[in-house]
Amino acid sequence: MAKIKISSKVEQREWEALQAMAKESQQSISGLLTEAVSDFVRKRRLRPAVRSHLEDSMVENEELGYRLAK
């Protein structure tokens, strides 16, 4: 996949922590940022699917919920 160049601003403390992490893990900052963005996107996309399944389950089990509440 083609890579694109981005620009962003972060707090100095976070930047320094990222630099230290890259050095400790012997990875590039670009690699760590790519991994972080990928994880963020995956988590954000998962939530609507999980929410949908939860809502479906609540509808399907509404009567059971009322019984358990008694």
N, C-alpha and C. Protein backbone atom coordinates (compact mmCIF):
# COMPACT_ATOMS: atom_id res chain seq x y z
N MET A 1 0.84 -1.17 0.00
CA MET A 1 0.00 0.00 0.00
C MET A 1 0.89 1.24 0.00
N ALA A 2 0.47 2.24 -0.73
CA ALA A 2 1.24 3.48 -0.80
C ALA A 2 1.19 4.22 0.53
N LYS A 3 2.27 4.83 0.88
CA LYS A 3 2.35 5.60 2.12
C LYS A 3 2.19 7.07 1.79
N ILE A 4 1.56 7.79 2.70
CA ILE A 4 1.39 9.23 2.53
C ILE A 4 2.09 9.94 3.68
N LYS A 5 2.45 11.16 3.46
CA LYS A 5 3.10 11.96 4.48
C LYS A 5 2.04 12.82 5.16
N ILE A 6 2.08 12.86 6.49
CA ILE A 6 1.14 13.68 7.25
C ILE A 6 1.90 14.61 8.18
N SER A 7 1.19 15.59 8.67
CA SER A 7 1.77 16.52 9.63
C SER A 7 0.77 16.71 10.76
N SER A 8 1.27 16.75 11.98
CA SER A 8 0.39 16.92 13.13
C SER A 8 1.15 17.57 14.27
N LYS A 9 0.42 18.01 15.27
CA LYS A 9 1.04 18.59 16.46
C LYS A 9 0.67 17.72 17.66
N VAL A 10 1.65 17.48 18.53
CA VAL A 10 1.43 16.74 19.76
C VAL A 10 2.13 17.46 20.90
N GLU A 11 1.72 17.15 22.11
CA GLU A 11 2.37 17.72 23.29
C GLU A 11 3.81 17.23 23.35
N GLN A 12 4.71 18.08 23.79
CA GLN A 12 6.13 17.74 23.86
C GLN A 12 6.36 16.50 24.70
N ARG A 13 5.67 16.39 25.82
CA ARG A 13 5.83 15.24 26.70
C ARG A 13 5.49 13.93 25.97
N GLU A 14 4.41 13.96 25.17
CA GLU A 14 4.02 12.76 24.42
C GLU A 14 5.02 12.45 23.31
N TRP A 15 5.54 13.49 22.69
CA TRP A 15 6.54 13.30 21.64
C TRP A 15 7.79 12.64 22.21
N GLU A 16 8.22 13.12 23.35
CA GLU A 16 9.42 12.55 23.99
C GLU A 16 9.18 11.09 24.40
N ALA A 17 7.97 10.80 24.90
CA ALA A 17 7.65 9.42 25.26
C ALA A 17 7.65 8.53 24.02
N LEU A 18 7.14 9.04 22.92
CA LEU A 18 7.13 8.28 21.67
C LEU A 18 8.55 8.03 21.17
N GLN A 19 9.39 9.04 21.25
CA GLN A 19 10.79 8.87 20.85
C GLN A 19 11.48 7.80 21.71
N ALA A 20 11.23 7.84 23.01
CA ALA A 20 11.83 6.86 23.91
C ALA A 20 11.33 5.45 23.59
N MET A 21 10.04 5.35 23.33
CA MET A 21 9.47 4.04 23.00
C MET A 21 10.06 3.50 21.70
N ALA A 22 10.23 4.36 20.72
CA ALA A 22 10.82 3.93 19.45
C ALA A 22 12.25 3.43 19.67
N LYS A 23 13.00 4.16 20.48
CA LYS A 23 14.38 3.75 20.75
C LYS A 23 14.43 2.42 21.50
N GLU A 24 13.57 2.29 22.53
CA GLU A 24 13.56 1.07 23.34
C GLU A 24 13.15 -0.16 22.53
N SER A 25 12.21 0.03 21.62
CA SER A 25 11.70 -1.10 20.83
C SER A 25 12.42 -1.27 19.51
N GLN A 26 13.36 -0.39 19.25
CA GLN A 26 14.12 -0.41 17.99
C GLN A 26 13.19 -0.36 16.77
N GLN A 27 12.16 0.48 16.87
CA GLN A 27 11.23 0.71 15.78
C GLN A 27 11.30 2.17 15.39
N SER A 28 10.84 2.46 14.19
CA SER A 28 10.80 3.86 13.77
C SER A 28 9.56 4.53 14.36
N ILE A 29 9.63 5.83 14.50
CA ILE A 29 8.47 6.59 14.96
C ILE A 29 7.34 6.42 13.96
N SER A 30 7.66 6.42 12.68
CA SER A 30 6.65 6.22 11.65
C SER A 30 5.95 4.88 11.83
N GLY A 31 6.70 3.84 12.13
CA GLY A 31 6.11 2.53 12.35
C GLY A 31 5.19 2.50 13.55
N LEU A 32 5.62 3.15 14.64
CA LEU A 32 4.78 3.20 15.83
C LEU A 32 3.50 4.00 15.58
N LEU A 33 3.62 5.11 14.86
CA LEU A 33 2.44 5.92 14.55
C LEU A 33 1.48 5.17 13.63
N THR A 34 2.02 4.44 12.66
CA THR A 34 1.17 3.65 11.76
C THR A 34 0.40 2.60 12.56
N GLU A 35 1.09 1.95 13.47
CA GLU A 35 0.45 0.94 14.33
C GLU A 35 -0.64 1.57 15.19
N ALA A 36 -0.34 2.74 15.77
CA ALA A 36 -1.30 3.41 16.64
C ALA A 36 -2.54 3.85 15.86
N VAL A 37 -2.35 4.40 14.67
CA VAL A 37 -3.49 4.83 13.85
C VAL A 37 -4.33 3.62 13.44
N SER A 38 -3.67 2.54 13.07
CA SER A 38 -4.37 1.32 12.67
C SER A 38 -5.22 0.79 13.83
N ASP A 39 -4.65 0.75 15.03
CA ASP A 39 -5.39 0.28 16.21
C ASP A 39 -6.58 1.19 16.50
N PHE A 40 -6.38 2.50 16.39
CA PHE A 40 -7.43 3.46 16.65
C PHE A 40 -8.60 3.27 15.68
N VAL A 41 -8.28 3.15 14.40
CA VAL A 41 -9.32 2.98 13.38
C VAL A 41 -10.07 1.67 13.61
N ARG A 42 -9.35 0.60 13.91
CA ARG A 42 -9.98 -0.70 14.14
C ARG A 42 -10.94 -0.63 15.33
N LYS A 43 -10.52 0.01 16.40
CA LYS A 43 -11.37 0.10 17.59
C LYS A 43 -12.61 0.95 17.33
N ARG A 44 -12.44 2.05 16.62
CA ARG A 44 -13.58 2.92 16.32
C ARG A 44 -14.59 2.24 15.41
N ARG A 45 -14.10 1.45 14.48
CA ARG A 45 -15.01 0.75 13.57
C ARG A 45 -15.72 -0.40 14.26
N LEU A 46 -15.11 -0.98 15.26
CA LEU A 46 -15.69 -2.11 15.97
C LEU A 46 -16.86 -1.67 16.83
N ARG A 47 -16.80 -0.54 17.43
CA ARG A 47 -17.83 -0.10 18.37
C ARG A 47 -19.23 -0.09 17.78
N PRO A 48 -19.45 0.46 16.58
CA PRO A 48 -20.82 0.42 16.04
C PRO A 48 -21.33 -1.01 15.86
N ALA A 49 -20.48 -1.92 15.45
CA ALA A 49 -20.90 -3.31 15.26
C ALA A 49 -21.27 -3.94 16.60
N VAL A 50 -20.46 -3.68 17.62
CA VAL A 50 -20.74 -4.22 18.96
C VAL A 50 -22.04 -3.62 19.48
N ARG A 51 -22.21 -2.32 19.30
CA ARG A 51 -23.42 -1.64 19.76
C ARG A 51 -24.66 -2.23 19.07
N SER A 52 -24.55 -2.49 17.80
CA SER A 52 -25.65 -3.06 17.04
C SER A 52 -26.04 -4.43 17.58
N HIS A 53 -25.04 -5.27 17.84
CA HIS A 53 -25.31 -6.60 18.40
C HIS A 53 -25.94 -6.50 19.79
N LEU A 54 -25.48 -5.56 20.58
CA LEU A 54 -26.04 -5.37 21.92
C LEU A 54 -27.51 -4.96 21.82
N GLU A 55 -27.79 -4.00 20.95
CA GLU A 55 -29.18 -3.55 20.78
C GLU A 55 -30.07 -4.68 20.29
N ASP A 56 -29.58 -5.48 19.35
CA ASP A 56 -30.35 -6.63 18.86
C ASP A 56 -30.63 -7.61 20.00
N SER A 57 -29.64 -7.87 20.82
CA SER A 57 -29.78 -8.79 21.93
C SER A 57 -30.79 -8.27 22.95
N MET A 58 -30.76 -6.97 23.20
CA MET A 58 -31.70 -6.39 24.16
C MET A 58 -33.13 -6.51 23.65
N VAL A 59 -33.35 -6.30 22.38
CA VAL A 59 -34.68 -6.43 21.80
C VAL A 59 -35.14 -7.88 21.88
N GLU A 60 -34.27 -8.80 21.51
CA GLU A 60 -34.61 -10.23 21.51
C GLU A 60 -34.88 -10.75 22.92
N ASN A 61 -34.24 -10.17 23.92
CA ASN A 61 -34.35 -10.67 25.29
C ASN A 61 -35.06 -9.69 26.22
N GLU A 62 -35.92 -8.86 25.65
CA GLU A 62 -36.59 -7.84 26.46
C GLU A 62 -37.44 -8.46 27.57
N GLU A 63 -38.19 -9.49 27.25
CA GLU A 63 -39.05 -10.14 28.25
C GLU A 63 -38.19 -10.74 29.38
N LEU A 64 -37.10 -11.37 29.03
CA LEU A 64 -36.21 -11.93 30.04
C LEU A 64 -35.67 -10.83 30.95
N GLY A 65 -35.35 -9.68 30.39
CA GLY A 65 -34.87 -8.55 31.18
C GLY A 65 -35.89 -8.11 32.21
N TYR A 66 -37.16 -8.05 31.79
CA TYR A 66 -38.22 -7.68 32.73
C TYR A 66 -38.35 -8.72 33.84
N ARG A 67 -38.27 -9.98 33.49
CA ARG A 67 -38.38 -11.04 34.50
C ARG A 67 -37.23 -10.97 35.51
N LEU A 68 -36.04 -10.74 35.01
CA LEU A 68 -34.87 -10.66 35.89
C LEU A 68 -34.95 -9.44 36.79
N ALA A 69 -35.57 -8.38 36.33
CA ALA A 69 -35.67 -7.15 37.11
C ALA A 69 -36.62 -7.29 38.30
N LYS A 70 -37.55 -8.25 38.19
CA LYS A 70 -38.53 -8.45 39.28
C LYS A 70 -37.89 -9.08 40.44
